[in-house]
C-alpha atoms as a PDB file:
ATOM      1  CA  MET A   1     -15.251   9.842 -21.926  1.00  0.00           C
ATOM      2  CA  SER A   2     -13.404  10.882 -18.753  1.00  0.00           C
ATOM      3  CA  LYS A   3      -9.633  10.629 -18.425  1.00  0.00           C
ATOM      4  CA  ARG A   4      -8.137   7.568 -16.806  1.00  0.00           C
ATOM      5  CA  ILE A   5      -5.359   8.478 -14.393  1.00  0.00           C
ATOM      6  CA  ILE A   6      -3.219   5.758 -12.813  1.00  0.00           C
ATOM      7  CA  GLN A   7      -0.355   6.665 -10.477  1.00  0.00           C
ATOM      8  CA  GLY A   8      -0.514  10.255 -11.653  1.00  0.00           C
ATOM      9  CA  ARG A   9      -0.330   9.617 -15.401  1.00  0.00           C
ATOM     10  CA  GLU A  10      -3.022   9.512 -18.026  1.00  0.00           C
ATOM     11  CA  VAL A  11      -3.686   6.072 -19.485  1.00  0.00           C
ATOM     12  CA  GLY A  12      -4.830   5.890 -23.089  1.00  0.00           C
ATOM     13  CA  GLU A  13      -7.459   3.662 -24.633  1.00  0.00           C
ATOM     14  CA  ALA A  14      -4.804   1.598 -26.469  1.00  0.00           C
ATOM     15  CA  GLU A  15      -3.072   0.747 -23.185  1.00  0.00           C
ATOM     16  CA  VAL A  16      -6.371  -0.268 -21.564  1.00  0.00           C
ATOM     17  CA  ASP A  17      -7.193  -2.416 -24.620  1.00  0.00           C
ATOM     18  CA  ALA A  18      -3.798  -4.140 -24.305  1.00  0.00           C
ATOM     19  CA  TRP A  19      -4.461  -4.905 -20.630  1.00  0.00           C
ATOM     20  CA  VAL A  20      -7.881  -6.315 -21.493  1.00  0.00           C
ATOM     21  CA  ALA A  21      -6.397  -8.544 -24.204  1.00  0.00           C
ATOM     22  CA  GLU A  22      -3.718  -9.761 -21.783  1.00  0.00           C
ATOM     23  CA  ALA A  23      -6.319 -10.584 -19.131  1.00  0.00           C
ATOM     24  CA  GLU A  24      -8.589 -12.346 -21.605  1.00  0.00           C
ATOM     25  CA  ALA A  25      -5.665 -14.473 -22.844  1.00  0.00           C
ATOM     26  CA  GLY A  26      -5.123 -15.640 -19.259  1.00  0.00           C
ATOM     27  CA  TYR A  27      -2.215 -15.453 -16.850  1.00  0.00           C
ATOM     28  CA  ASP A  28       0.428 -17.954 -15.846  1.00  0.00           C
ATOM     29  CA  VAL A  29      -0.411 -18.382 -12.169  1.00  0.00           C
ATOM     30  CA  GLU A  30       3.023 -19.796 -11.299  1.00  0.00           C
ATOM     31  CA  GLU A  31       4.719 -16.772 -12.882  1.00  0.00           C
ATOM     32  CA  LEU A  32       2.490 -14.427 -10.883  1.00  0.00           C
ATOM     33  CA  ARG A  33       3.339 -16.277  -7.673  1.00  0.00           C
ATOM     34  CA  LYS A  34       7.053 -15.812  -8.389  1.00  0.00           C
ATOM     35  CA  ARG A  35       6.534 -12.054  -8.742  1.00  0.00           C
ATOM     36  CA  VAL A  36       4.596 -11.828  -5.474  1.00  0.00           C
ATOM     37  CA  ALA A  37       7.148 -13.933  -3.574  1.00  0.00           C
ATOM     38  CA  GLY A  38       9.557 -11.001  -3.602  1.00  0.00           C
ATOM     39  CA  GLY A  39       7.007  -8.657  -1.999  1.00  0.00           C
ATOM     40  CA  ARG A  40       6.858  -7.254   1.481  1.00  0.00           C
ATOM     41  CA  PRO A  41       7.936  -9.571   4.268  1.00  0.00           C
ATOM     42  CA  GLY A  42       5.224 -10.876   6.556  1.00  0.00           C
ATOM     43  CA  ARG A  43       4.700  -9.283   9.953  1.00  0.00           C
ATOM     44  CA  GLY A  44       3.529 -12.411  11.706  1.00  0.00           C
ATOM     45  CA  ALA A  45       2.281 -15.936  11.263  1.00  0.00           C
ATOM     46  CA  GLU A  46      -0.945 -14.729   9.666  1.00  0.00           C
ATOM     47  CA  PRO A  47      -1.530 -12.115   6.965  1.00  0.00           C
ATOM     48  CA  SER A  48      -1.751  -8.559   8.269  1.00  0.00           C
ATOM     49  CA  GLN A  49      -4.929  -6.555   7.868  1.00  0.00           C
ATOM     50  CA  VAL A  50      -5.034  -3.174   6.197  1.00  0.00           C
ATOM     51  CA  ILE A  51      -7.137  -0.792   8.274  1.00  0.00           C
ATOM     52  CA  PRO A  52      -8.140   2.495   6.651  1.00  0.00           C
ATOM     53  CA  VAL A  53      -8.012   5.397   9.088  1.00  0.00           C
ATOM     54  CA  ARG A  54      -9.032   8.991   8.453  1.00  0.00           C
ATOM     55  CA  LEU A  55      -6.740  11.622   9.932  1.00  0.00           C
ATOM     56  CA  THR A  56      -7.006  15.382   9.884  1.00  0.00           C
ATOM     57  CA  ALA A  57      -4.195  17.316   8.218  1.00  0.00           C
ATOM     58  CA  GLU A  58      -2.903  18.227  11.681  1.00  0.00           C
ATOM     59  CA  GLU A  59      -2.940  14.615  12.905  1.00  0.00           C
ATOM     60  CA  LEU A  60      -1.121  13.388   9.811  1.00  0.00           C
ATOM     61  CA  ALA A  61       1.444  16.181  10.109  1.00  0.00           C
ATOM     62  CA  ALA A  62       2.096  15.162  13.718  1.00  0.00           C
ATOM     63  CA  VAL A  63       2.548  11.512  12.706  1.00  0.00           C
ATOM     64  CA  MET A  64       4.926  12.472   9.902  1.00  0.00           C
ATOM     65  CA  GLU A  65       6.972  14.819  12.120  1.00  0.00           C
ATOM     66  CA  ARG A  66       7.434  12.077  14.707  1.00  0.00           C
ATOM     67  CA  ALA A  67       8.198   9.492  12.022  1.00  0.00           C
ATOM     68  CA  GLU A  68      10.881  11.739  10.540  1.00  0.00           C
ATOM     69  CA  ARG A  69      12.440  12.409  13.943  1.00  0.00           C
ATOM     70  CA  GLU A  70      12.598   8.675  14.662  1.00  0.00           C
ATOM     71  CA  HIS A  71      13.612   7.667  11.117  1.00  0.00           C
ATOM     72  CA  LEU A  72      10.448   5.647  10.580  1.00  0.00           C
ATOM     73  CA  ASN A  73       7.988   5.469   7.726  1.00  0.00           C
ATOM     74  CA  ARG A  74       4.370   6.398   8.389  1.00  0.00           C
ATOM     75  CA  SER A  75       3.210   2.818   9.001  1.00  0.00           C
ATOM     76  CA  GLU A  76       6.084   2.102  11.383  1.00  0.00           C
ATOM     77  CA  ALA A  77       5.338   5.291  13.321  1.00  0.00           C
ATOM     78  CA  ILE A  78       1.656   4.412  13.690  1.00  0.00           C
ATOM     79  CA  ARG A  79       2.513   0.849  14.799  1.00  0.00           C
ATOM     80  CA  ALA A  80       5.011   2.251  17.332  1.00  0.00           C
ATOM     81  CA  ALA A  81       2.348   4.584  18.726  1.00  0.00           C
ATOM     82  CA  LEU A  82      -0.111   1.706  19.043  1.00  0.00           C
ATOM     83  CA  ALA A  83       2.513  -0.464  20.769  1.00  0.00           C
ATOM     84  CA  GLU A  84       3.267   2.352  23.233  1.00  0.00           C
ATOM     85  CA  TRP A  85      -0.446   2.811  23.893  1.00  0.00           C
ATOM     86  CA  SER A  86      -0.983  -0.902  24.571  1.00  0.00           C
ATOM     87  CA  ARG A  87       2.046  -1.025  26.925  1.00  0.00           C
ATOM     88  CA  ALA A  88       0.565   1.854  28.939  1.00  0.00           C
ATOM     89  CA  ALA A  89      -2.754   0.027  29.399  1.00  0.00           C
END
């Protein structure tokens, strides 16, 4: 059997079995909603969409350099670039 790696660490069969047992027993939906309520704040009236984009190593490096200069994370830098592009149109 191949290794299971989650967030950079190997997950053993016993841990997977425990997750399966937990799922089969069922979840308290209200408890799960409480956990999610503390998540990321919304960006608008409707849920945001996640759009996968492929970048070359050079493109990503350029994004990250600009983000660092402007004290932004990667997503904020990409949104700023898109906003600038749409203002120029």
